[in-house]
Amino acid sequence: MAPMVVVILGCLLAYLTFDSKHSIQTVGHLHKGLNPISIKYLNFDTEYLPYTLKAGIITGIIALAEGIAIGRSFAIIKNEQVDGNKEMIAFGFMNIVGSFFSCYLTTGPFSKTAVNYNSGCKTAASNFVMAIGMMLTLLFLAPLFSYTPLVALSAIIMSAMLGLINYEEAYHLFKVDKFDFCICLAAFFGVAFITMDMGLMISVALALLRALLYVARPAACKLGKLPDSTLYRDIEQYTEASSPPGILAIQLGSPIYYANGNYIRERILRWIRDDESISHANGKAVKHVLLDLTGVTSIDTTGIETLVEVLRMLEVEDIKMKIVNPRQEVLEKMMRSKFVDKIGKETIFLCMEDAVEASYDFSVLKEEQGREEQRSGVA
């Protein structure tokens, strides 16, 4: 009710104080009637097709990002779910039908969504009521709204927007994740002080940048055995965990492919160098490197080549490499690429404990054989 009162009072005030030079800025002249049918102007001429495709792709991506982001933001408030695929189908069908009647590209705009939400609309039936009301307005009342002040429309949108600002959620983001808080601020100030599209593009770009950083620098950690158990956990998180002598256990927690292959290889080699510097001081050199692939959900040919390079480098240093608990998809690709034949089937284990026991038994056996050879030589 309040928006209608604002519009009516604003129109009366603008009409009574109308002055072509100093009056309040209004919407301006509005033509009566519905948009003409435009399907007859449909043209697939190759001269214009590249321009329309370029404009359509850019505006389509921005419109979809805007509409889905706005829909999800309002769905979270109501604890509801939004299916992005269905939203894309709805936007596409809506714009295809609208293009037959001279309609411009549209999505689920923030202004209309905010007004609907604050008006208490629950279902999509509100759009039918809105469409009928818009049709009647265009047919009979369009000239009356020509005196609508722009400031009145801005006030309606701002009043609806202010009720959507969740200060507690922003503070929660600041406490939990500073980067998420920066994305939130970028979206808010971009929309508030630049444009809706620019604010969404900035926030989406920052989110993609963060995703690329996570992809290029995946999670990996050095494992150690917890006291009085068979569990192996991150030694940085569990300080009481200790690495078995002569064994370096590493856990990889993301897919291995071209984007992070170099980082994973350098990370493994750096851990080996660090462990060797400590091991030489203690007189216990690294003899076995165990790679826990439980968290590796997929691997491509570049990732397999990365493991092959690591294997070759370790063989030069007389260090054995073993694979622990690879997933079925990863193991199948290793078998098809002949990586399993290179490393040996006997070096693939189901759990870290089995791999450590096999490595330890092998090391002990080798040391005993060396001692026996020394004894036989002395005798």
Protein backbone atom coordinates (compact mmCIF):
# COMPACT_ATOMS: atom_id res chain seq x y z
CA MET A 1 0.00 0.00 0.00
CA ALA A 2 2.82 2.40 0.86
CA PRO A 3 4.39 2.29 -2.64
CA MET A 4 1.04 3.14 -4.27
CA VAL A 5 0.57 6.08 -1.91
CA VAL A 6 4.06 7.35 -2.70
CA VAL A 7 3.46 7.08 -6.46
CA ILE A 8 0.04 8.82 -6.28
CA LEU A 9 1.22 11.65 -4.06
CA GLY A 10 4.39 12.02 -6.12
CA CYS A 11 2.39 12.26 -9.35
CA LEU A 12 0.08 14.91 -7.87
CA LEU A 13 2.98 16.94 -6.51
CA ALA A 14 4.87 16.76 -9.81
CA TYR A 15 1.74 17.71 -11.77
CA LEU A 16 0.96 20.71 -9.55
CA THR A 17 4.55 22.00 -9.58
CA PHE A 18 5.25 21.16 -13.21
CA ASP A 19 7.83 23.40 -14.85
CA SER A 20 9.77 22.43 -17.95
CA LYS A 21 13.01 23.85 -16.51
CA HIS A 22 12.89 23.56 -12.73
CA SER A 23 10.32 20.88 -11.98
CA ILE A 24 10.92 17.48 -10.39
CA GLN A 25 12.43 14.91 -12.75
CA THR A 26 9.69 12.55 -13.89
CA VAL A 27 9.38 9.44 -16.01
CA GLY A 28 8.24 11.48 -19.00
CA HIS A 29 5.75 10.83 -21.75
CA LEU A 30 4.45 7.26 -22.00
CA HIS A 31 2.69 5.92 -25.07
CA LYS A 32 -0.56 4.00 -24.65
CA GLY A 33 -0.96 0.49 -25.99
CA LEU A 34 0.92 -2.78 -26.05
CA ASN A 35 4.17 -3.48 -27.85
CA PRO A 36 3.76 -4.44 -31.52
CA ILE A 37 4.46 -7.96 -32.73
CA SER A 38 8.07 -8.17 -33.89
CA ILE A 39 8.40 -11.79 -35.07
CA LYS A 40 8.11 -10.58 -38.66
CA TYR A 41 11.43 -8.75 -38.21
CA LEU A 42 13.28 -11.97 -37.37
CA ASN A 43 16.40 -11.97 -39.54
CA PHE A 44 19.20 -14.53 -39.83
CA ASP A 45 21.30 -12.54 -42.27
CA THR A 46 24.99 -13.42 -41.88
CA GLU A 47 25.84 -9.73 -42.00
CA TYR A 48 24.17 -9.08 -38.64
CA LEU A 49 24.39 -12.53 -37.02
CA PRO A 50 27.91 -12.12 -35.45
CA TYR A 51 26.88 -8.89 -33.73
CA THR A 52 23.67 -10.37 -32.35
CA LEU A 53 25.46 -13.52 -31.15
CA LYS A 54 28.14 -11.48 -29.38
CA ALA A 55 25.61 -9.21 -27.70
CA GLY A 56 23.33 -12.14 -26.87
CA ILE A 57 26.08 -14.20 -25.23
CA ILE A 58 27.37 -11.31 -23.10
CA THR A 59 23.96 -10.06 -22.01
CA GLY A 60 22.73 -13.63 -21.48
CA ILE A 61 25.58 -14.53 -19.13
CA ILE A 62 25.19 -11.32 -17.12
CA ALA A 63 21.40 -11.67 -17.00
CA LEU A 64 21.58 -15.29 -15.86
CA ALA A 65 24.17 -14.49 -13.20
CA GLU A 66 22.06 -11.58 -11.95
CA GLY A 67 18.76 -13.46 -11.96
CA ILE A 68 20.06 -16.64 -10.31
CA ALA A 69 22.07 -14.71 -7.71
CA ILE A 70 19.05 -12.60 -6.76
CA GLY A 71 16.77 -15.65 -6.68
CA ARG A 72 19.11 -17.56 -4.39
CA SER A 73 19.62 -14.59 -2.08
CA PHE A 74 15.87 -14.30 -1.52
CA ALA A 75 15.46 -18.09 -1.31
CA ILE A 76 17.98 -18.24 1.54
CA ILE A 77 15.87 -15.77 3.52
CA LYS A 78 12.87 -18.11 3.19
CA ASN A 79 14.98 -21.25 3.66
CA GLU A 80 14.01 -22.44 0.18
CA GLN A 81 15.91 -23.99 -2.70
CA VAL A 82 16.41 -22.58 -6.20
CA ASP A 83 17.21 -24.87 -9.13
CA GLY A 84 19.64 -23.00 -11.35
CA ASN A 85 18.88 -25.19 -14.38
CA LYS A 86 15.15 -24.49 -14.17
CA GLU A 87 15.87 -20.79 -13.73
CA MET A 88 17.95 -20.78 -16.92
CA ILE A 89 15.19 -22.58 -18.85
CA ALA A 90 12.61 -20.11 -17.54
CA PHE A 91 14.73 -17.08 -18.45
CA GLY A 92 15.41 -18.44 -21.94
CA PHE A 93 11.77 -19.31 -22.67
CA MET A 94 10.60 -15.96 -21.27
CA ASN A 95 12.97 -13.97 -23.46
CA ILE A 96 12.22 -16.02 -26.58
CA VAL A 97 8.49 -15.39 -26.22
CA GLY A 98 9.08 -11.76 -25.27
CA SER A 99 11.24 -11.18 -28.34
CA PHE A 100 8.17 -11.90 -30.52
CA PHE A 101 6.47 -8.85 -28.98
CA SER A 102 9.23 -6.21 -28.98
CA CYS A 103 10.24 -6.89 -25.36
CA TYR A 104 13.76 -6.15 -24.18
CA LEU A 105 15.97 -8.67 -22.38
CA THR A 106 14.68 -9.32 -18.88
CA THR A 107 15.47 -11.53 -15.90
CA GLY A 108 14.34 -11.54 -12.28
CA PRO A 109 15.36 -7.94 -11.50
CA PHE A 110 16.28 -6.94 -7.99
CA SER A 111 13.81 -4.04 -7.82
CA LYS A 112 10.73 -6.11 -8.75
CA THR A 113 11.87 -9.07 -6.63
CA ALA A 114 12.41 -6.87 -3.59
CA VAL A 115 9.01 -5.20 -4.00
CA ASN A 116 7.28 -8.58 -4.42
CA TYR A 117 9.05 -9.96 -1.37
CA ASN A 118 8.13 -7.02 0.85
CA SER A 119 4.56 -7.10 -0.49
CA GLY A 120 4.14 -10.65 0.77
CA CYS A 121 3.96 -12.43 -2.60
CA LYS A 122 4.35 -16.19 -2.17
CA THR A 123 4.03 -17.85 -5.60
CA ALA A 124 4.59 -17.16 -9.28
CA ALA A 125 0.91 -16.24 -9.56
CA SER A 126 1.93 -12.73 -8.54
CA ASN A 127 3.59 -12.40 -11.94
CA PHE A 128 0.26 -13.05 -13.70
CA VAL A 129 -1.44 -10.40 -11.57
CA MET A 130 1.44 -8.03 -12.27
CA ALA A 131 1.25 -8.74 -16.00
CA ILE A 132 -2.49 -8.05 -16.10
CA GLY A 133 -2.01 -4.87 -14.09
CA MET A 134 0.79 -3.78 -16.41
CA MET A 135 -1.35 -4.50 -19.47
CA LEU A 136 -4.26 -2.43 -18.13
CA THR A 137 -1.88 0.36 -17.20
CA LEU A 138 -0.34 0.44 -20.69
CA LEU A 139 -3.75 0.39 -22.34
CA PHE A 140 -5.57 2.98 -20.24
CA LEU A 141 -3.39 4.63 -17.55
CA ALA A 142 0.01 5.10 -19.20
CA PRO A 143 -0.28 8.90 -19.65
CA LEU A 144 -1.14 9.36 -15.96
CA PHE A 145 2.16 7.79 -14.88
CA SER A 146 4.19 10.18 -17.00
CA TYR A 147 4.27 12.50 -13.97
CA THR A 148 5.72 9.82 -11.65
CA PRO A 149 8.84 11.31 -10.01
CA LEU A 150 12.02 9.32 -10.43
CA VAL A 151 12.81 9.99 -6.78
CA ALA A 152 9.57 8.22 -5.79
CA LEU A 153 10.56 5.11 -7.73
CA SER A 154 14.03 5.25 -6.16
CA ALA A 155 12.51 5.58 -2.70
CA ILE A 156 10.37 2.47 -3.24
CA ILE A 157 13.36 0.43 -4.35
CA MET A 158 15.59 1.76 -1.54
CA SER A 159 12.99 1.07 1.14
CA ALA A 160 12.68 -2.50 -0.11
CA MET A 161 16.46 -2.89 -0.31
CA LEU A 162 17.22 -1.58 3.18
CA GLY A 163 15.11 -4.32 4.70
CA LEU A 164 17.30 -6.90 2.98
CA ILE A 165 20.61 -5.76 4.47
CA ASN A 166 21.67 -8.37 7.03
CA TYR A 167 24.33 -6.82 9.25
CA GLU A 168 24.67 -9.95 11.37
CA GLU A 169 25.40 -12.10 8.33
CA ALA A 170 28.07 -9.65 7.15
CA TYR A 171 29.70 -9.73 10.59
CA HIS A 172 29.49 -13.53 10.53
CA LEU A 173 31.33 -13.57 7.18
CA PHE A 174 33.98 -11.26 8.61
CA LYS A 175 34.61 -13.60 11.52
CA VAL A 176 34.55 -16.82 9.52
CA ASP A 177 36.21 -15.93 6.21
CA LYS A 178 37.73 -12.55 5.38
CA PHE A 179 37.77 -13.24 1.64
CA ASP A 180 34.04 -13.99 1.63
CA PHE A 181 33.54 -10.72 3.48
CA CYS A 182 35.52 -8.87 0.78
CA ILE A 183 33.33 -10.45 -1.93
CA CYS A 184 30.24 -9.37 0.02
CA LEU A 185 31.50 -5.77 0.28
CA ALA A 186 32.47 -5.69 -3.40
CA ALA A 187 28.99 -6.84 -4.44
CA PHE A 188 27.25 -4.41 -2.08
CA PHE A 189 29.23 -1.28 -2.98
CA GLY A 190 29.32 -2.21 -6.67
CA VAL A 191 25.53 -2.49 -6.81
CA ALA A 192 24.95 0.55 -4.57
CA PHE A 193 27.37 3.01 -6.19
CA ILE A 194 28.01 1.72 -9.73
CA THR A 195 25.45 -0.59 -11.35
CA MET A 196 23.80 -3.90 -10.63
CA ASP A 197 25.69 -5.62 -13.44
CA MET A 198 29.04 -4.19 -12.41
CA GLY A 199 28.57 -5.18 -8.77
CA LEU A 200 27.69 -8.75 -9.75
CA MET A 201 30.58 -8.96 -12.20
CA ILE A 202 33.07 -7.79 -9.58
CA SER A 203 31.82 -10.26 -6.98
CA VAL A 204 31.73 -13.14 -9.48
CA ALA A 205 35.25 -12.28 -10.68
CA LEU A 206 36.55 -12.32 -7.11
CA ALA A 207 34.84 -15.66 -6.45
CA LEU A 208 36.36 -17.13 -9.61
CA LEU A 209 39.78 -15.78 -8.62
CA ARG A 210 39.47 -17.52 -5.28
CA ALA A 211 38.42 -20.76 -6.97
CA LEU A 212 41.42 -20.56 -9.30
CA LEU A 213 43.75 -20.07 -6.35
CA TYR A 214 42.31 -23.13 -4.64
CA VAL A 215 42.64 -25.12 -7.87
CA ALA A 216 46.22 -24.04 -8.54
CA ARG A 217 47.31 -24.61 -4.92
CA PRO A 218 45.41 -27.69 -3.73
CA ALA A 219 45.33 -28.99 -0.19
CA ALA A 220 48.19 -31.32 0.73
CA CYS A 221 49.67 -32.32 4.05
CA LYS A 222 52.32 -34.49 5.64
CA LEU A 223 50.95 -37.38 7.68
CA GLY A 224 52.12 -38.84 10.96
CA LYS A 225 50.93 -41.72 13.12
CA LEU A 226 48.95 -40.92 16.25
CA PRO A 227 50.21 -42.57 19.45
CA ASP A 228 48.57 -45.90 20.38
CA SER A 229 46.55 -46.09 17.16
CA THR A 230 46.78 -47.00 13.49
CA LEU A 231 45.52 -43.59 12.31
CA TYR A 232 47.63 -41.20 10.26
CA ARG A 233 46.77 -37.52 10.43
CA ASP A 234 48.20 -34.11 9.50
CA ILE A 235 51.23 -33.51 11.70
CA GLU A 236 50.60 -29.74 11.69
CA GLN A 237 47.11 -30.23 13.10
CA TYR A 238 48.02 -33.09 15.44
CA THR A 239 51.36 -32.19 16.96
CA GLU A 240 51.58 -35.51 18.81
CA ALA A 241 51.62 -37.42 15.50
CA SER A 242 55.05 -38.65 14.39
CA SER A 243 56.38 -39.88 11.05
CA PRO A 244 57.83 -43.41 10.89
CA PRO A 245 61.64 -43.42 10.49
CA GLY A 246 62.74 -43.34 6.87
CA ILE A 247 59.17 -42.93 5.61
CA LEU A 248 57.50 -39.77 4.28
CA ALA A 249 53.69 -40.01 4.12
CA ILE A 250 51.89 -37.32 2.09
CA GLN A 251 48.16 -36.86 1.59
CA LEU A 252 46.77 -35.09 -1.50
CA GLY A 253 43.27 -33.65 -1.14
CA SER A 254 42.19 -32.53 -4.61
CA PRO A 255 42.10 -33.69 -8.25
CA ILE A 256 45.46 -33.79 -10.02
CA TYR A 257 45.46 -32.20 -13.46
CA TYR A 258 47.26 -29.64 -15.63
CA ALA A 259 46.41 -26.63 -13.45
CA ASN A 260 48.09 -27.93 -10.29
CA GLY A 261 50.49 -30.62 -11.54
CA ASN A 262 53.61 -28.46 -11.20
CA TYR A 263 52.62 -27.28 -7.74
CA ILE A 264 52.02 -30.84 -6.50
CA ARG A 265 55.35 -32.05 -7.91
CA GLU A 266 57.29 -29.18 -6.36
CA ARG A 267 55.45 -29.60 -3.06
CA ILE A 268 56.32 -33.30 -2.85
CA LEU A 269 59.97 -32.69 -3.73
CA ARG A 270 60.18 -29.85 -1.19
CA TRP A 271 58.87 -32.11 1.56
CA ILE A 272 61.43 -34.73 0.58
CA ARG A 273 64.28 -32.20 0.72
CA ASP A 274 63.11 -30.90 4.09
CA ASP A 275 62.79 -34.42 5.48
CA GLU A 276 66.16 -35.44 4.12
CA SER A 277 67.85 -32.46 5.78
CA ILE A 278 66.31 -33.50 9.10
CA SER A 279 66.91 -37.21 8.50
CA HIS A 280 70.60 -36.77 7.71
CA ALA A 281 71.04 -34.97 11.01
CA ASN A 282 69.42 -37.92 12.77
CA GLY A 283 71.10 -40.52 10.61
CA LYS A 284 67.79 -41.74 9.14
CA ALA A 285 67.49 -40.99 5.42
CA VAL A 286 64.16 -41.00 3.61
CA LYS A 287 63.73 -44.33 1.82
CA HIS A 288 60.01 -44.43 1.08
CA VAL A 289 57.45 -41.85 -0.06
CA LEU A 290 53.82 -42.83 0.45
CA LEU A 291 51.17 -40.86 -1.46
CA ASP A 292 47.68 -41.07 0.04
CA LEU A 293 45.26 -40.44 -2.87
CA THR A 294 42.05 -40.83 -0.87
CA GLY A 295 41.07 -37.21 -1.56
CA VAL A 296 42.04 -37.30 -5.26
CA THR A 297 38.68 -37.64 -7.00
CA SER A 298 40.05 -37.48 -10.55
CA ILE A 299 43.28 -37.29 -12.52
CA ASP A 300 44.10 -36.43 -16.12
CA THR A 301 47.03 -37.32 -18.35
CA THR A 302 49.04 -34.33 -17.11
CA GLY A 303 48.47 -35.45 -13.53
CA ILE A 304 49.66 -38.96 -14.38
CA GLU A 305 52.74 -37.51 -16.07
CA THR A 306 53.37 -35.54 -12.89
CA LEU A 307 53.39 -38.77 -10.86
CA VAL A 308 55.68 -40.37 -13.46
CA GLU A 309 58.13 -37.48 -13.14
CA VAL A 310 58.09 -37.74 -9.36
CA LEU A 311 58.68 -41.51 -9.63
CA ARG A 312 61.70 -41.01 -11.90
CA MET A 313 63.21 -38.36 -9.62
CA LEU A 314 62.78 -40.61 -6.60
CA GLU A 315 64.32 -43.59 -8.39
CA VAL A 316 67.43 -41.50 -9.07
CA GLU A 317 67.68 -40.85 -5.33
CA ASP A 318 67.02 -44.56 -4.56
CA ILE A 319 63.69 -43.71 -2.92
CA LYS A 320 60.67 -45.96 -3.32
CA MET A 321 57.21 -44.51 -4.01
CA LYS A 322 53.96 -46.18 -3.01
CA ILE A 323 50.33 -45.31 -3.72
CA VAL A 324 47.69 -45.58 -0.98
CA ASN A 325 43.93 -45.98 -1.50
CA PRO A 326 43.39 -44.54 -5.01
CA ARG A 327 39.76 -44.17 -6.07
CA GLN A 328 38.38 -46.44 -8.76
CA GLU A 329 38.37 -43.78 -11.48
CA VAL A 330 41.93 -42.75 -10.64
CA LEU A 331 43.15 -46.34 -10.50
CA GLU A 332 41.54 -47.19 -13.83
CA LYS A 333 43.30 -44.27 -15.53
CA MET A 334 46.59 -45.31 -13.95
CA MET A 335 46.14 -48.81 -15.33
CA ARG A 336 45.19 -47.59 -18.83
CA SER A 337 48.19 -45.26 -18.92
CA LYS A 338 50.55 -48.10 -17.81
CA PHE A 339 51.52 -46.15 -14.69
CA VAL A 340 50.68 -49.18 -12.53
CA ASP A 341 53.10 -51.28 -14.61
CA LYS A 342 55.83 -48.68 -14.08
CA ILE A 343 55.44 -48.39 -10.34
CA GLY A 344 54.42 -52.01 -9.78
CA LYS A 345 51.17 -53.51 -8.52
CA GLU A 346 52.85 -54.48 -5.25
CA THR A 347 53.32 -50.76 -4.41
CA ILE A 348 49.59 -49.98 -4.29
CA PHE A 349 47.94 -50.42 -0.88
CA LEU A 350 44.48 -50.11 0.57
CA CYS A 351 45.42 -48.20 3.73
CA MET A 352 48.36 -46.23 5.06
CA GLU A 353 49.10 -48.73 7.82
CA ASP A 354 49.69 -51.55 5.29
CA ALA A 355 51.93 -49.34 3.19
CA VAL A 356 53.98 -48.29 6.22
CA GLU A 357 54.36 -51.90 7.43
CA ALA A 358 55.46 -53.05 3.97
CA SER A 359 57.95 -50.18 3.71
CA TYR A 360 59.30 -50.77 7.20
CA ASP A 361 59.66 -54.54 6.68
CA PHE A 362 61.43 -53.94 3.38
CA SER A 363 63.83 -51.45 4.98
CA VAL A 364 64.57 -53.77 7.90
CA LEU A 365 65.14 -56.71 5.56
CA LYS A 366 67.50 -54.68 3.42
CA GLU A 367 69.48 -53.53 6.46
CA GLU A 368 69.75 -57.11 7.75
CA GLN A 369 70.96 -58.30 4.36
CA GLY A 370 73.60 -55.58 4.39
CA ARG A 371 74.76 -56.59 7.84
CA GLU A 372 75.01 -60.25 6.81
CA GLU A 373 77.07 -59.32 3.77
CA GLN A 374 79.39 -57.28 6.00
CA ARG A 375 79.75 -60.20 8.40
CA SER A 376 80.48 -62.68 5.62
CA GLY A 377 83.07 -60.30 4.24
CA VAL A 378 84.78 -59.96 7.62
CA ALA A 379 84.75 -63.75 8.07
